Protein backbone atom coordinates (compact mmCIF):
# COMPACT_ATOMS: atom_id res chain seq x y z
CA MET A 1 93.48 40.26 62.38
CA GLY A 2 92.36 37.01 60.86
CA ARG A 3 91.31 35.37 64.13
CA ILE A 4 87.88 34.61 62.63
CA ARG A 5 88.07 32.20 59.69
CA GLN A 6 85.66 34.01 57.38
CA SER A 7 83.82 32.49 54.42
CA VAL A 8 81.15 33.72 52.01
CA MET A 9 77.91 32.16 50.75
CA GLY A 10 77.92 32.13 46.97
CA TRP A 11 74.17 32.25 46.30
CA CYS A 12 73.90 35.67 47.96
CA PHE A 13 76.18 37.31 45.40
CA LYS A 14 74.69 36.00 42.17
CA PRO A 15 74.93 36.78 39.30
CA MET A 16 78.63 37.06 40.24
CA SER A 17 80.27 33.77 39.31
CA ALA A 18 81.77 31.55 41.99
CA GLU A 19 85.22 32.11 40.51
CA ASP A 20 84.86 35.90 40.48
CA LEU A 21 83.50 35.86 44.05
CA ALA A 22 86.41 33.67 45.13
CA GLU A 23 88.93 36.04 43.55
CA LEU A 24 87.26 38.97 45.32
CA GLY A 25 87.09 37.11 48.61
CA LYS A 26 90.74 36.10 48.45
CA LYS A 27 91.71 39.72 47.81
CA LEU A 28 89.62 40.88 50.79
CA GLY A 29 91.01 38.30 53.20
CA LEU A 30 88.46 35.49 53.17
CA VAL A 31 89.77 31.97 53.64
CA ALA A 32 86.80 30.00 52.28
CA ILE A 33 83.62 29.91 50.22
CA GLU A 34 80.42 27.83 50.27
CA GLY A 35 77.00 27.68 48.62
CA ILE A 36 78.43 27.28 45.12
CA ASP A 37 78.14 24.56 42.49
CA VAL A 38 80.45 21.60 43.00
CA ALA A 39 81.71 22.11 39.45
CA SER A 40 83.40 25.32 40.66
CA TYR A 41 85.19 23.68 43.59
CA PRO A 42 88.44 22.92 41.71
CA ALA A 43 88.69 26.49 40.43
CA VAL A 44 88.11 28.15 43.81
CA LYS A 45 90.53 25.74 45.49
CA LYS A 46 93.11 26.74 42.89
CA ILE A 47 92.45 30.39 43.76
CA GLY A 48 93.35 29.49 47.33
CA LEU A 49 90.05 29.27 49.20
CA ASP A 50 88.75 26.35 51.25
CA ILE A 51 85.28 24.88 50.77
CA SER A 52 83.86 25.64 54.21
CA LEU A 53 80.57 23.73 53.84
CA VAL A 54 79.23 21.29 51.24
CA GLY A 55 75.57 21.45 50.22
CA SER A 56 73.22 18.47 50.29
CA HIS A 57 69.46 17.93 50.13
CA GLY A 58 68.06 21.43 50.61
CA PHE A 59 65.81 22.84 53.33
CA ALA A 60 62.35 22.08 51.92
CA LYS A 61 62.43 18.32 51.39
CA GLY A 62 63.64 16.96 54.69
CA PRO A 63 63.66 13.92 56.97
CA THR A 64 60.53 14.95 58.87
CA ASP A 65 58.75 13.03 56.11
CA SER A 66 59.96 9.42 56.08
CA ALA A 67 59.08 9.18 52.39
CA ASN A 68 62.15 11.36 51.75
CA HIS A 69 64.64 9.27 53.72
CA SER A 70 66.22 7.24 50.93
CA GLU A 71 66.75 10.32 48.78
CA ILE A 72 68.16 12.36 51.66
CA GLN A 73 70.52 9.63 52.79
CA ALA A 74 71.86 9.25 49.25
CA SER A 75 72.31 13.02 48.98
CA LEU A 76 74.15 13.22 52.30
CA ARG A 77 76.45 10.32 51.44
CA LYS A 78 77.30 11.93 48.11
CA ALA A 79 77.97 15.25 49.84
CA ILE A 80 80.19 13.52 52.41
CA ASP A 81 82.24 12.02 49.58
CA THR A 82 82.53 15.45 47.99
CA ALA A 83 83.65 16.96 51.30
CA VAL A 84 86.37 14.32 51.58
CA GLU A 85 87.49 14.92 48.00
CA PHE A 86 87.86 18.67 48.51
CA ASN A 87 89.03 18.58 52.13
CA SER A 88 85.95 20.32 53.48
CA PRO A 89 85.08 19.67 57.14
CA SER A 90 81.30 19.81 56.98
CA VAL A 91 78.09 18.99 55.11
CA ILE A 92 74.84 20.85 55.71
CA THR A 93 71.55 19.17 56.58
CA PHE A 94 68.04 20.37 57.44
CA THR A 95 64.90 19.08 59.14
CA GLY A 96 62.69 20.04 56.22
CA MET A 97 59.15 21.34 56.46
CA ARG A 98 56.42 20.31 58.87
CA VAL A 99 54.14 17.54 57.65
CA PRO A 100 50.46 18.51 58.07
CA GLY A 101 48.89 16.64 60.97
CA MET A 102 52.17 15.13 62.18
CA ARG A 103 52.99 15.44 65.87
CA ASP A 104 56.33 17.01 66.74
CA GLU A 105 57.57 13.87 68.47
CA VAL A 106 56.94 11.82 65.33
CA ALA A 107 58.69 14.41 63.15
CA LYS A 108 61.69 14.45 65.51
CA GLN A 109 61.95 10.68 65.52
CA ASN A 110 61.73 10.60 61.72
CA CYS A 111 64.68 13.00 61.54
CA ILE A 112 66.72 10.93 63.98
CA ASP A 113 65.92 7.68 62.15
CA CYS A 114 67.06 9.19 58.85
CA TRP A 115 70.31 10.73 60.11
CA LYS A 116 71.21 7.60 62.10
CA GLN A 117 71.56 5.77 58.78
CA VAL A 118 74.23 8.24 57.63
CA ILE A 119 76.09 9.40 60.72
CA GLY A 120 78.30 6.31 60.88
CA TYR A 121 79.53 7.06 57.36
CA ALA A 122 80.20 10.69 58.33
CA GLU A 123 82.18 9.54 61.38
CA GLU A 124 84.16 7.08 59.27
CA LYS A 125 85.04 9.82 56.78
CA LYS A 126 85.67 12.40 59.56
CA ILE A 127 83.03 14.80 58.20
CA THR A 128 80.62 16.77 60.39
CA LEU A 129 76.93 17.06 59.51
CA CYS A 130 75.69 20.54 60.44
CA LEU A 131 71.96 20.94 61.08
CA GLU A 132 70.78 24.45 60.23
CA HIS A 133 68.19 26.25 62.29
CA LEU A 134 66.01 28.54 60.11
CA ASN A 135 63.42 31.18 60.93
CA SER A 136 59.78 30.55 60.05
CA ARG A 137 58.56 34.11 60.68
CA ASP A 138 59.71 36.11 57.65
CA SER A 139 57.50 35.44 54.62
CA SER A 140 58.69 38.44 52.60
CA HIS A 141 61.20 36.55 50.43
CA PRO A 142 61.89 32.85 49.80
CA MET A 143 65.42 33.12 51.24
CA LYS A 144 64.75 35.55 54.10
CA GLY A 145 62.50 33.17 56.00
CA HIS A 146 60.98 29.72 55.69
CA PRO A 147 57.39 29.49 56.96
CA GLY A 148 56.56 25.89 57.86
CA TYR A 149 60.17 24.86 58.57
CA PHE A 150 60.20 22.30 61.38
CA GLY A 151 63.58 23.16 62.91
CA ASP A 152 62.72 26.80 63.63
CA ASP A 153 63.49 26.52 67.37
CA VAL A 154 67.23 26.33 68.00
CA HIS A 155 66.61 24.37 71.19
CA LEU A 156 64.61 21.76 69.27
CA CYS A 157 67.61 21.45 66.94
CA ILE A 158 69.93 21.04 69.92
CA ASP A 159 67.65 18.33 71.30
CA LEU A 160 67.93 16.47 67.98
CA ILE A 161 71.72 16.90 68.03
CA LYS A 162 71.94 15.55 71.57
CA GLN A 163 69.85 12.54 70.59
CA MET A 164 72.21 11.87 67.69
CA ASN A 165 74.99 11.60 70.30
CA SER A 166 77.81 11.99 67.79
CA PRO A 167 80.78 14.39 67.69
CA ASN A 168 80.13 14.56 63.95
CA PHE A 169 76.61 15.99 64.22
CA LYS A 170 76.44 19.67 65.17
CA LEU A 171 74.42 22.87 64.84
CA LEU A 172 74.76 25.44 62.11
CA PHE A 173 74.08 28.56 64.18
CA ASP A 174 72.73 31.20 61.82
CA ILE A 175 72.89 34.43 63.79
CA TYR A 176 70.27 36.10 61.59
CA HIS A 177 67.74 33.27 61.98
CA VAL A 178 68.34 32.93 65.73
CA GLN A 179 67.85 36.68 66.22
CA ILE A 180 64.48 36.55 64.46
CA MET A 181 63.14 33.53 66.32
CA LEU A 182 64.63 33.93 69.81
CA GLY A 183 67.14 36.78 70.14
CA ASP A 184 69.54 36.84 73.10
CA VAL A 185 72.24 35.69 70.69
CA ILE A 186 75.31 36.02 72.92
CA ARG A 187 73.74 34.11 75.80
CA ARG A 188 72.68 31.32 73.41
CA ILE A 189 76.17 31.05 71.91
CA ARG A 190 77.68 30.73 75.37
CA GLU A 191 75.08 28.13 76.32
CA LEU A 192 75.13 26.09 73.11
CA HIS A 193 78.72 26.40 71.86
CA PRO A 194 79.71 22.76 72.55
CA TRP A 195 77.20 21.71 69.88
CA ILE A 196 77.93 24.46 67.31
CA GLY A 197 79.92 23.52 64.21
CA HIS A 198 79.40 26.49 61.86
CA TYR A 199 78.08 30.07 61.83
CA HIS A 200 76.25 32.28 59.31
CA THR A 201 75.76 36.05 59.40
CA ALA A 202 73.29 38.61 58.01
CA GLY A 203 71.63 41.84 59.10
CA ASN A 204 68.15 41.88 60.60
CA PRO A 205 65.57 42.84 59.51
CA GLY A 206 65.92 42.21 55.80
CA ARG A 207 68.93 39.87 55.60
CA GLY A 208 71.01 42.73 54.23
CA GLU A 209 74.42 44.10 55.15
CA ILE A 210 75.60 43.90 58.76
CA ASP A 211 75.76 47.69 58.98
CA GLU A 212 74.27 50.44 61.19
CA ASN A 213 70.84 50.08 59.55
CA GLN A 214 70.09 46.74 61.23
CA GLU A 215 69.74 45.62 64.84
CA ILE A 216 72.45 42.98 65.41
CA ASN A 217 75.71 44.21 66.95
CA TYR A 218 78.20 41.82 65.37
CA PRO A 219 81.63 42.65 66.90
CA PRO A 220 80.75 41.54 70.46
CA ILE A 221 79.06 38.42 69.06
CA LEU A 222 82.22 37.50 67.15
CA ARG A 223 84.36 38.14 70.24
CA VAL A 224 82.19 35.72 72.23
CA ILE A 225 82.52 33.13 69.46
CA LEU A 226 86.29 33.44 69.86
CA GLU A 227 85.99 33.19 73.64
CA THR A 228 84.25 29.82 73.28
CA GLY A 229 87.30 28.46 71.49
CA PHE A 230 85.52 28.01 68.15
CA LYS A 231 87.96 27.15 65.35
CA GLY A 232 85.55 26.65 62.45
CA TYR A 233 84.17 28.97 59.79
CA VAL A 234 81.90 32.03 59.98
CA ALA A 235 80.25 32.58 56.61
CA GLN A 236 78.85 35.88 55.37
CA GLU A 237 75.31 35.07 54.16
CA PHE A 238 73.71 38.46 53.69
CA ILE A 239 71.92 39.56 50.51
CA PRO A 240 73.70 42.74 49.32
CA THR A 241 71.59 45.88 48.94
CA TRP A 242 74.44 48.32 48.33
CA ASP A 243 75.09 49.20 44.70
CA ASP A 244 78.69 48.06 45.12
CA HIS A 245 78.52 44.43 46.25
CA ALA A 246 82.29 44.22 46.64
CA LYS A 247 82.22 47.13 49.09
CA ALA A 248 79.38 45.46 50.98
CA LEU A 249 81.43 42.28 51.38
CA GLU A 250 84.56 44.21 52.33
CA HIS A 251 82.57 46.06 55.00
CA ALA A 252 81.14 42.84 56.46
CA ILE A 253 84.58 41.24 56.62
CA LYS A 254 85.97 44.24 58.51
CA VAL A 255 83.04 44.22 60.96
CA CYS A 256 83.69 40.57 61.79
CA ASP A 257 87.49 40.86 61.93
CA VAL A 258 87.73 41.12 65.72
């Protein structure tokens, strides 16, 4: 039906090239792609897909540690410029990992102080910074969970977003990560939707396909996202386990096409 603007996260489908994934996604009805190298942006735009989200400084080295601020600010500004160049609406950001011995209030203030130096530029360029909430529980795989991540409570992330007090600073609501840390996904979407700028999907447990072998019931979640009036992108970010990765992506797209 195309009411959900679906995207796909490139890193999940490696070693498939960004261009091949874009061709597949276009054929299957996707409208965008993300999580690919900037060098591939012109090619995937030519194929006919949007860049739904531009990468930046990564989740490990974040603004919780003030020693990282200059590097992070430079990375975010560069990503904002890239988003403008390729007509992408958003740039991702993260809190980074906890600093041993640092109180939460200090870590939160460090994040705010860092982002405050960039948010004016994002507003000027009409780009949204999306703060991603990640789970810190799953230690089975480096991309299935992130032990030590500071922003592992979605409500802590919302508090940071409220303190930023900018229409260009929002939450990246990763349904998989929220399910692991807190659950009650539909209620949280209804509660938090004014601050949500982007969504990610995956099956839990395992971050695999969003099929009958995992616990999240995606169609009603997607219908609630529509009910909130959300007009942004929902990106498929599962790690394929099926032998046929194209079929896995096709299946996920159909599940979310509500």
